Amino acid sequence: MPRPTTKSELLAAASASFTKLTKLWDGFTPEQADAPFPAALLTGGTEAHWQRDKCLRDVVIHLHEWQNLVTVWVSANQAGTLTGFFPEPYTWRNYAALNEQFVRQHQNTTYEAARDLLAASHQHVLGMIEGFSNDELFTKKHFGWTGTTSLGSYFVSATSSHYEWAAKKTRTYARILAR
């Protein structure tokens, strides 16, 4: 799916990718959904997320928390409080530690509760997107607080792009289980 460049494409991609992802998750039995990932998945690649996410809940929480990052950032800046994307002390250089913090803080969150949190944050993000015009979303530097990029690129990253990442990881898990 090409990267969205308009508001309508963004909303369509976010909705379609979310639906595909949740259907993948719905294909697991409750036991599979709650089980720790097998070692073959934890060593599935060189990126940090392969070792970080120990179960489906961790993947779901990752999506939810990144949507929270976007909504908090947008809301603060829209209210006139100039705020960076990441909470201090995190930056684009060290945000891996923040991703690890998300996993730690949700160790007592169930998989089903994580899915409920993600469903709510997904709807909240879609509502935020609806509140912006196409130009506000996809004109680079329209808002000073987005730096050199567009607000829409942040929403793409927090929705359809992240959903595609999670779907790839989920399909890998399903293939391992089917062996």
Foldseek 3Di string as FASTA:
>chain_A
DDQDQFLVSLLVLQVVLVVVLVVLLVPDDPCQQQDFFDPCQLPVDDDPVSVLRGGLLLLLLLLLVLLVLLVVCVVCVVVPNQDASDDPPDDPVPCVVVSSVSCVVCPVPGSVNSNVSSVVSSVVLNVVSVVDHRCQARPACPDVSVPRGHNVVSSSVSGNVSSVVSSVSSVVRVVVVVD
